[in-house]
């Protein structure tokens, strides 16, 4: 991403800043290796050096030192800033192992690292171990975020109709406490919604990607089922969504 920064004061000038958007940019490094949920794993083996595999990991994650570790192996753990799922990386010359609760994280790593190896004409031996229990685990982590965002969106949609009703009737004594609270806190609700206008779409996108990734690792293309998935999300219920994921494509 390239940003042009122009100050309001004189003399006018312009600064250009460039920021690399990493494939797993919504992750931050964590020092502690807390207990993780059901894990999926990705193992890469091939004729790559320690410096090469380290540079590939730097390409994937933010805040990872470009200096190659001096030892024969290295370990690092990252945490998703949104879902709080973790991804653990352990690598050395000729081998790298990645473990995560989120199957989509493993899918991204597999795609990106394969492309990096292809650029250097390095042939990789790739193996993946998918834990089906991790899918429900991830959906349950998304659930409170999605539920809160859907509730916020519904409240924002009701603000204008409720205000018109108040204007027409002259008071709100006949409204339920929930609706009265929406009118009272309308400014706060709108401000909160404006701060994260695309968050609902992002959560829907994460669920869609997880669904595609689940069946991609089984060798199945389920893009024709995405419309049905989005319909299920429009009338969201966690158990219904889990049942949808468990259906055979």
C-alpha atoms as a PDB file:
ATOM      1  CA  UNK A   1       0.000   0.000   0.000  1.00  0.00           C
ATOM      2  CA  UNK A   2       1.324   3.455  -0.925  1.00  0.00           C
ATOM      3  CA  UNK A   3       0.211   6.509   1.041  1.00  0.00           C
ATOM      4  CA  UNK A   4       0.747  10.183   0.188  1.00  0.00           C
ATOM      5  CA  UNK A   5       0.884  12.409   3.270  1.00  0.00           C
ATOM      6  CA  UNK A   6       0.421  16.170   2.824  1.00  0.00           C
ATOM      7  CA  UNK A   7       0.526  18.555   5.822  1.00  0.00           C
ATOM      8  CA  UNK A   8      -2.002  21.368   6.121  1.00  0.00           C
ATOM      9  CA  UNK A   9       0.636  23.930   6.996  1.00  0.00           C
ATOM     10  CA  UNK A  10       2.909  25.780   4.580  1.00  0.00           C
ATOM     11  CA  UNK A  11       5.204  25.228   2.784  1.00  0.00           C
ATOM     12  CA  UNK A  12       3.285  22.468   1.058  1.00  0.00           C
ATOM     13  CA  UNK A  13       5.123  19.196   0.592  1.00  0.00           C
ATOM     14  CA  UNK A  14       4.284  15.531   0.225  1.00  0.00           C
ATOM     15  CA  UNK A  15       5.685  12.435   1.886  1.00  0.00           C
ATOM     16  CA  UNK A  16       5.305   9.025   0.310  1.00  0.00           C
ATOM     17  CA  UNK A  17       5.014   6.054   2.645  1.00  0.00           C
ATOM     18  CA  UNK A  18       4.855   2.442   1.497  1.00  0.00           C
ATOM     19  CA  UNK A  19       3.461  -0.352   3.639  1.00  0.00           C
ATOM     20  CA  UNK A  20       3.537  -4.013   2.727  1.00  0.00           C
ATOM     21  CA  UNK A  21       0.247  -5.825   3.407  1.00  0.00           C
ATOM     22  CA  UNK A  22       1.240  -9.297   4.576  1.00  0.00           C
ATOM     23  CA  UNK A  23      -0.915 -12.358   3.789  1.00  0.00           C
ATOM     24  CA  UNK A  24      -1.474 -12.830   7.537  1.00  0.00           C
ATOM     25  CA  UNK A  25      -1.314  -9.165   8.488  1.00  0.00           C
ATOM     26  CA  UNK A  26      -4.054  -9.484  11.146  1.00  0.00           C
ATOM     27  CA  UNK A  27      -1.707 -11.471  13.371  1.00  0.00           C
ATOM     28  CA  UNK A  28       0.657 -10.323  16.061  1.00  0.00           C
ATOM     29  CA  UNK A  29       3.568 -12.136  17.587  1.00  0.00           C
ATOM     30  CA  UNK A  30       3.082 -13.579  21.044  1.00  0.00           C
ATOM     31  CA  UNK A  31       5.773 -14.723  23.426  1.00  0.00           C
ATOM     32  CA  UNK A  32       3.776 -17.281  25.365  1.00  0.00           C
ATOM     33  CA  UNK A  33       2.620 -20.567  23.880  1.00  0.00           C
ATOM     34  CA  UNK A  34      -0.761 -20.938  25.556  1.00  0.00           C
ATOM     35  CA  UNK A  35      -2.854 -24.067  25.153  1.00  0.00           C
ATOM     36  CA  UNK A  36      -4.429 -24.187  21.712  1.00  0.00           C
ATOM     37  CA  UNK A  37      -7.684 -25.748  20.511  1.00  0.00           C
ATOM     38  CA  UNK A  38      -8.064 -28.561  17.935  1.00  0.00           C
ATOM     39  CA  UNK A  39      -5.116 -28.183  15.576  1.00  0.00           C
ATOM     40  CA  UNK A  40      -4.610 -28.451  11.847  1.00  0.00           C
ATOM     41  CA  UNK A  41      -1.058 -28.868  10.632  1.00  0.00           C
ATOM     42  CA  UNK A  42       0.969 -28.165   7.517  1.00  0.00           C
ATOM     43  CA  UNK A  43       4.375 -29.764   6.972  1.00  0.00           C
ATOM     44  CA  UNK A  44       6.786 -28.658   4.265  1.00  0.00           C
ATOM     45  CA  UNK A  45       9.918 -30.568   3.332  1.00  0.00           C
ATOM     46  CA  UNK A  46      12.357 -29.759   0.582  1.00  0.00           C
ATOM     47  CA  UNK A  47      15.836 -28.540  -0.374  1.00  0.00           C
ATOM     48  CA  UNK A  48      15.427 -25.054   1.118  1.00  0.00           C
ATOM     49  CA  UNK A  49      17.925 -23.378   3.420  1.00  0.00           C
ATOM     50  CA  UNK A  50      17.233 -21.926   6.851  1.00  0.00           C
ATOM     51  CA  UNK A  51      17.544 -18.428   5.364  1.00  0.00           C
ATOM     52  CA  UNK A  52      15.015 -19.218   2.632  1.00  0.00           C
ATOM     53  CA  UNK A  53      12.296 -20.617   4.893  1.00  0.00           C
ATOM     54  CA  UNK A  54      12.865 -17.724   7.309  1.00  0.00           C
ATOM     55  CA  UNK A  55      12.409 -15.192   4.492  1.00  0.00           C
ATOM     56  CA  UNK A  56       9.148 -16.900   3.482  1.00  0.00           C
ATOM     57  CA  UNK A  57       7.807 -16.601   7.028  1.00  0.00           C
ATOM     58  CA  UNK A  58       8.838 -12.932   7.101  1.00  0.00           C
ATOM     59  CA  UNK A  59       6.830 -12.494   3.896  1.00  0.00           C
ATOM     60  CA  UNK A  60       3.708 -13.986   5.575  1.00  0.00           C
ATOM     61  CA  UNK A  61       3.677 -12.338   8.998  1.00  0.00           C
ATOM     62  CA  UNK A  62       4.067  -8.771  10.306  1.00  0.00           C
ATOM     63  CA  UNK A  63       6.661  -7.795  12.900  1.00  0.00           C
ATOM     64  CA  UNK A  64       8.927 -10.740  12.154  1.00  0.00           C
ATOM     65  CA  UNK A  65      12.630  -9.938  12.230  1.00  0.00           C
ATOM     66  CA  UNK A  66      14.275 -10.173   8.833  1.00  0.00           C
ATOM     67  CA  UNK A  67      17.478 -11.364  10.481  1.00  0.00           C
ATOM     68  CA  UNK A  68      17.799 -15.113  10.146  1.00  0.00           C
ATOM     69  CA  UNK A  69      18.180 -16.961  13.491  1.00  0.00           C
ATOM     70  CA  UNK A  70      21.700 -18.121  14.273  1.00  0.00           C
ATOM     71  CA  UNK A  71      20.653 -21.543  15.559  1.00  0.00           C
ATOM     72  CA  UNK A  72      19.725 -24.641  13.587  1.00  0.00           C
ATOM     73  CA  UNK A  73      15.992 -24.165  14.211  1.00  0.00           C
ATOM     74  CA  UNK A  74      13.480 -21.538  15.258  1.00  0.00           C
ATOM     75  CA  UNK A  75      10.020 -21.398  16.816  1.00  0.00           C
ATOM     76  CA  UNK A  76       7.489 -18.567  16.776  1.00  0.00           C
ATOM     77  CA  UNK A  77       3.811 -18.174  17.651  1.00  0.00           C
ATOM     78  CA  UNK A  78       1.360 -15.627  16.277  1.00  0.00           C
ATOM     79  CA  UNK A  79      -2.149 -14.738  17.467  1.00  0.00           C
ATOM     80  CA  UNK A  80      -5.014 -13.485  15.326  1.00  0.00           C
ATOM     81  CA  UNK A  81      -5.984  -9.988  16.477  1.00  0.00           C
ATOM     82  CA  UNK A  82      -9.618 -10.692  15.596  1.00  0.00           C
ATOM     83  CA  UNK A  83     -10.371 -14.318  16.532  1.00  0.00           C
ATOM     84  CA  UNK A  84      -7.488 -14.888  18.975  1.00  0.00           C
ATOM     85  CA  UNK A  85      -6.654 -18.174  17.243  1.00  0.00           C
ATOM     86  CA  UNK A  86      -2.974 -19.010  17.171  1.00  0.00           C
ATOM     87  CA  UNK A  87      -0.530 -20.286  14.601  1.00  0.00           C
ATOM     88  CA  UNK A  88       2.677 -21.950  15.721  1.00  0.00           C
ATOM     89  CA  UNK A  89       5.654 -22.146  13.374  1.00  0.00           C
ATOM     90  CA  UNK A  90       8.672 -24.386  13.861  1.00  0.00           C
ATOM     91  CA  UNK A  91      11.256 -24.466  11.107  1.00  0.00           C
ATOM     92  CA  UNK A  92      14.768 -25.508  10.195  1.00  0.00           C
ATOM     93  CA  UNK A  93      16.759 -26.250   7.080  1.00  0.00           C
ATOM     94  CA  UNK A  94      14.701 -28.598   4.897  1.00  0.00           C
ATOM     95  CA  UNK A  95      11.586 -28.711   7.090  1.00  0.00           C
ATOM     96  CA  UNK A  96       8.854 -26.419   8.409  1.00  0.00           C
ATOM     97  CA  UNK A  97       5.802 -27.292  10.494  1.00  0.00           C
ATOM     98  CA  UNK A  98       2.832 -24.971  11.010  1.00  0.00           C
ATOM     99  CA  UNK A  99      -0.054 -25.637  13.400  1.00  0.00           C
ATOM    100  CA  UNK A 100      -3.227 -23.607  13.854  1.00  0.00           C
ATOM    101  CA  UNK A 101      -6.789 -23.909  15.127  1.00  0.00           C
ATOM    102  CA  UNK A 102      -7.984 -21.964  12.082  1.00  0.00           C
ATOM    103  CA  UNK A 103      -7.945 -24.059   8.907  1.00  0.00           C
ATOM    104  CA  UNK A 104      -8.053 -20.920   6.744  1.00  0.00           C
ATOM    105  CA  UNK A 105      -4.730 -19.825   8.245  1.00  0.00           C
ATOM    106  CA  UNK A 106      -3.205 -23.145   7.198  1.00  0.00           C
ATOM    107  CA  UNK A 107      -4.732 -22.747   3.733  1.00  0.00           C
ATOM    108  CA  UNK A 108      -3.211 -19.278   3.302  1.00  0.00           C
ATOM    109  CA  UNK A 109       0.202 -20.504   4.441  1.00  0.00           C
ATOM    110  CA  UNK A 110       0.048 -23.452   2.069  1.00  0.00           C
ATOM    111  CA  UNK A 111      -0.796 -21.260  -0.933  1.00  0.00           C
ATOM    112  CA  UNK A 112       1.690 -18.487  -0.171  1.00  0.00           C
ATOM    113  CA  UNK A 113       4.623 -20.719   0.757  1.00  0.00           C
ATOM    114  CA  UNK A 114       4.071 -22.902  -2.315  1.00  0.00           C
ATOM    115  CA  UNK A 115       4.241 -19.793  -4.520  1.00  0.00           C
ATOM    116  CA  UNK A 116       7.416 -18.618  -2.785  1.00  0.00           C
ATOM    117  CA  UNK A 117       9.044 -21.991  -3.360  1.00  0.00           C
ATOM    118  CA  UNK A 118       7.928 -22.055  -7.003  1.00  0.00           C
ATOM    119  CA  UNK A 119       9.557 -18.664  -7.588  1.00  0.00           C
ATOM    120  CA  UNK A 120      12.863 -20.179  -6.461  1.00  0.00           C
ATOM    121  CA  UNK A 121      12.215 -23.400  -8.399  1.00  0.00           C
ATOM    122  CA  UNK A 122      12.229 -25.403  -5.174  1.00  0.00           C
ATOM    123  CA  UNK A 123      10.103 -28.546  -5.163  1.00  0.00           C
ATOM    124  CA  UNK A 124       8.240 -29.083  -1.906  1.00  0.00           C
ATOM    125  CA  UNK A 125       6.871 -32.212  -0.287  1.00  0.00           C
ATOM    126  CA  UNK A 126       3.639 -30.928   1.303  1.00  0.00           C
ATOM    127  CA  UNK A 127       1.456 -32.781   3.784  1.00  0.00           C
ATOM    128  CA  UNK A 128      -1.607 -31.497   5.649  1.00  0.00           C
ATOM    129  CA  UNK A 129      -3.452 -32.921   8.621  1.00  0.00           C
ATOM    130  CA  UNK A 130      -6.975 -31.471   8.926  1.00  0.00           C
ATOM    131  CA  UNK A 131      -8.799 -31.735  12.239  1.00  0.00           C
ATOM    132  CA  UNK A 132     -12.551 -31.572  11.524  1.00  0.00           C
ATOM    133  CA  UNK A 133     -13.254 -30.519  15.119  1.00  0.00           C
ATOM    134  CA  UNK A 134     -11.333 -27.308  14.450  1.00  0.00           C
ATOM    135  CA  UNK A 135     -14.070 -26.107  12.081  1.00  0.00           C
ATOM    136  CA  UNK A 136     -16.758 -26.019  14.773  1.00  0.00           C
ATOM    137  CA  UNK A 137     -14.196 -24.559  17.194  1.00  0.00           C
ATOM    138  CA  UNK A 138     -13.490 -21.655  14.823  1.00  0.00           C
ATOM    139  CA  UNK A 139     -17.187 -21.053  14.131  1.00  0.00           C
ATOM    140  CA  UNK A 140     -17.804 -20.822  17.875  1.00  0.00           C
ATOM    141  CA  UNK A 141     -15.015 -18.230  18.159  1.00  0.00           C
ATOM    142  CA  UNK A 142     -16.591 -16.190  15.356  1.00  0.00           C
ATOM    143  CA  UNK A 143     -20.078 -16.527  16.911  1.00  0.00           C
ATOM    144  CA  UNK A 144     -19.957 -13.784  19.607  1.00  0.00           C
ATOM    145  CA  UNK A 145     -18.341 -11.326  17.185  1.00  0.00           C
ATOM    146  CA  UNK A 146     -20.925 -12.031  14.500  1.00  0.00           C
ATOM    147  CA  UNK A 147     -23.845 -11.998  16.921  1.00  0.00           C
ATOM    148  CA  UNK A 148     -22.817  -8.611  18.334  1.00  0.00           C
ATOM    149  CA  UNK A 149     -22.300  -7.159  14.861  1.00  0.00           C
ATOM    150  CA  UNK A 150     -25.665  -8.427  13.604  1.00  0.00           C
ATOM    151  CA  UNK A 151     -27.384  -6.994  16.683  1.00  0.00           C
ATOM    152  CA  UNK A 152     -25.675  -3.640  16.135  1.00  0.00           C
ATOM    153  CA  UNK A 153     -26.700  -3.605  12.457  1.00  0.00           C
ATOM    154  CA  UNK A 154     -30.329  -4.395  13.337  1.00  0.00           C
ATOM    155  CA  UNK A 155     -30.412  -1.605  15.934  1.00  0.00           C
ATOM    156  CA  UNK A 156     -28.988   0.907  13.444  1.00  0.00           C
ATOM    157  CA  UNK A 157     -31.630  -0.096  10.887  1.00  0.00           C
ATOM    158  CA  UNK A 158     -34.356   0.656  13.451  1.00  0.00           C
ATOM    159  CA  UNK A 159     -33.135   4.129  14.427  1.00  0.00           C
ATOM    160  CA  UNK A 160     -34.822   6.120  11.658  1.00  0.00           C
ATOM    161  CA  UNK A 161     -38.177   4.243  11.752  1.00  0.00           C
ATOM    162  CA  UNK A 162     -38.321   4.642  15.538  1.00  0.00           C
ATOM    163  CA  UNK A 163     -37.507   8.351  15.320  1.00  0.00           C
ATOM    164  CA  UNK A 164     -40.266   8.845  12.756  1.00  0.00           C
ATOM    165  CA  UNK A 165     -42.671   6.964  15.020  1.00  0.00           C
ATOM    166  CA  UNK A 166     -41.696   9.173  17.954  1.00  0.00           C
ATOM    167  CA  UNK A 167     -42.206  12.304  15.856  1.00  0.00           C
ATOM    168  CA  UNK A 168     -45.629  11.112  14.709  1.00  0.00           C
ATOM    169  CA  UNK A 169     -46.885   9.951  18.132  1.00  0.00           C
ATOM    170  CA  UNK A 170     -45.230  12.675  20.203  1.00  0.00           C
ATOM    171  CA  UNK A 171     -43.772  10.273  22.809  1.00  0.00           C
ATOM    172  CA  UNK A 172     -42.310   6.805  23.190  1.00  0.00           C
ATOM    173  CA  UNK A 173     -44.127   5.571  26.293  1.00  0.00           C
ATOM    174  CA  UNK A 174     -45.784   2.793  24.323  1.00  0.00           C
ATOM    175  CA  UNK A 175     -42.438   1.361  23.131  1.00  0.00           C
ATOM    176  CA  UNK A 176     -40.656  -1.511  24.819  1.00  0.00           C
ATOM    177  CA  UNK A 177     -37.582  -0.619  26.927  1.00  0.00           C
ATOM    178  CA  UNK A 178     -35.378  -2.127  24.207  1.00  0.00           C
ATOM    179  CA  UNK A 179     -36.747   0.232  21.528  1.00  0.00           C
ATOM    180  CA  UNK A 180     -36.612   3.227  23.851  1.00  0.00           C
ATOM    181  CA  UNK A 181     -32.949   2.469  24.518  1.00  0.00           C
ATOM    182  CA  UNK A 182     -32.248   2.419  20.765  1.00  0.00           C
ATOM    183  CA  UNK A 183     -33.669   5.940  20.420  1.00  0.00           C
ATOM    184  CA  UNK A 184     -31.846   7.181  23.531  1.00  0.00           C
ATOM    185  CA  UNK A 185     -28.498   5.756  22.432  1.00  0.00           C
ATOM    186  CA  UNK A 186     -28.914   6.331  18.685  1.00  0.00           C
ATOM    187  CA  UNK A 187     -25.893   8.642  18.435  1.00  0.00           C
ATOM    188  CA  UNK A 188     -23.664   6.122  20.224  1.00  0.00           C
ATOM    189  CA  UNK A 189     -24.925   3.243  18.064  1.00  0.00           C
ATOM    190  CA  UNK A 190     -24.311   5.180  14.832  1.00  0.00           C
ATOM    191  CA  UNK A 191     -20.835   6.191  15.982  1.00  0.00           C
ATOM    192  CA  UNK A 192     -19.953   2.595  16.834  1.00  0.00           C
ATOM    193  CA  UNK A 193     -21.300   1.383  13.487  1.00  0.00           C
ATOM    194  CA  UNK A 194     -19.332   4.024  11.550  1.00  0.00           C
ATOM    195  CA  UNK A 195     -16.095   2.914  13.201  1.00  0.00           C
ATOM    196  CA  UNK A 196     -16.399  -0.563  11.723  1.00  0.00           C
ATOM    197  CA  UNK A 197     -18.649  -0.359   8.630  1.00  0.00           C
ATOM    198  CA  UNK A 198     -17.125  -3.392   6.916  1.00  0.00           C
ATOM    199  CA  UNK A 199     -16.740  -5.657   9.926  1.00  0.00           C
ATOM    200  CA  UNK A 200     -19.905  -7.660   9.235  1.00  0.00           C
ATOM    201  CA  UNK A 201     -18.784  -8.299   5.642  1.00  0.00           C
ATOM    202  CA  UNK A 202     -15.361  -9.334   6.954  1.00  0.00           C
ATOM    203  CA  UNK A 203     -16.894 -11.879   9.329  1.00  0.00           C
ATOM    204  CA  UNK A 204     -19.114 -13.247   6.550  1.00  0.00           C
ATOM    205  CA  UNK A 205     -15.987 -13.481   4.385  1.00  0.00           C
ATOM    206  CA  UNK A 206     -14.125 -15.431   7.069  1.00  0.00           C
ATOM    207  CA  UNK A 207     -16.976 -17.936   7.332  1.00  0.00           C
ATOM    208  CA  UNK A 208     -17.173 -18.266   3.542  1.00  0.00           C
ATOM    209  CA  UNK A 209     -13.408 -18.835   3.286  1.00  0.00           C
ATOM    210  CA  UNK A 210     -13.525 -21.418   6.069  1.00  0.00           C
ATOM    211  CA  UNK A 211     -16.281 -23.308   4.244  1.00  0.00           C
ATOM    212  CA  UNK A 212     -14.362 -23.275   0.956  1.00  0.00           C
ATOM    213  CA  UNK A 213     -11.113 -24.292   2.691  1.00  0.00           C
ATOM    214  CA  UNK A 214     -12.729 -27.194   4.543  1.00  0.00           C
ATOM    215  CA  UNK A 215     -13.788 -28.860   1.307  1.00  0.00           C
ATOM    216  CA  UNK A 216     -10.753 -27.719  -0.695  1.00  0.00           C
ATOM    217  CA  UNK A 217      -8.586 -29.930   1.510  1.00  0.00           C
ATOM    218  CA  UNK A 218     -10.932 -32.783   0.639  1.00  0.00           C
ATOM    219  CA  UNK A 219     -10.463 -32.060  -3.062  1.00  0.00           C
ATOM    220  CA  UNK A 220     -13.969 -30.614  -3.522  1.00  0.00           C
ATOM    221  CA  UNK A 221     -15.065 -27.314  -5.040  1.00  0.00           C
ATOM    222  CA  UNK A 222     -18.071 -25.886  -3.192  1.00  0.00           C
ATOM    223  CA  UNK A 223     -18.308 -22.421  -4.729  1.00  0.00           C
ATOM    224  CA  UNK A 224     -21.728 -23.362  -6.122  1.00  0.00           C
ATOM    225  CA  UNK A 225     -22.916 -23.679  -2.489  1.00  0.00           C
ATOM    226  CA  UNK A 226     -21.849 -20.180  -1.435  1.00  0.00           C
ATOM    227  CA  UNK A 227     -25.231 -18.646  -2.297  1.00  0.00           C
ATOM    228  CA  UNK A 228     -26.926 -21.133   0.046  1.00  0.00           C
ATOM    229  CA  UNK A 229     -24.339 -20.362   2.739  1.00  0.00           C
ATOM    230  CA  UNK A 230     -25.024 -16.632   2.475  1.00  0.00           C
ATOM    231  CA  UNK A 231     -28.754 -17.324   2.789  1.00  0.00           C
ATOM    232  CA  UNK A 232     -28.044 -19.236   6.003  1.00  0.00           C
ATOM    233  CA  UNK A 233     -26.009 -16.266   7.277  1.00  0.00           C
ATOM    234  CA  UNK A 234     -28.857 -13.851   6.529  1.00  0.00           C
ATOM    235  CA  UNK A 235     -30.963 -15.797   9.041  1.00  0.00           C
ATOM    236  CA  UNK A 236     -28.016 -16.578  11.299  1.00  0.00           C
ATOM    237  CA  UNK A 237     -28.116 -19.294  13.908  1.00  0.00           C
ATOM    238  CA  UNK A 238     -24.927 -20.968  15.151  1.00  0.00           C
ATOM    239  CA  UNK A 239     -26.212 -24.547  15.213  1.00  0.00           C
ATOM    240  CA  UNK A 240     -27.846 -24.172  11.797  1.00  0.00           C
ATOM    241  CA  UNK A 241     -24.529 -22.898  10.436  1.00  0.00           C
ATOM    242  CA  UNK A 242     -22.616 -25.816  11.995  1.00  0.00           C
ATOM    243  CA  UNK A 243     -25.126 -28.245  10.451  1.00  0.00           C
ATOM    244  CA  UNK A 244     -24.639 -26.555   7.065  1.00  0.00           C
ATOM    245  CA  UNK A 245     -20.855 -27.040   7.345  1.00  0.00           C
ATOM    246  CA  UNK A 246     -21.340 -30.694   8.249  1.00  0.00           C
ATOM    247  CA  UNK A 247     -23.459 -31.428   5.203  1.00  0.00           C
ATOM    248  CA  UNK A 248     -21.720 -33.370   2.447  1.00  0.00           C
ATOM    249  CA  UNK A 249     -21.008 -31.106  -0.515  1.00  0.00           C
END
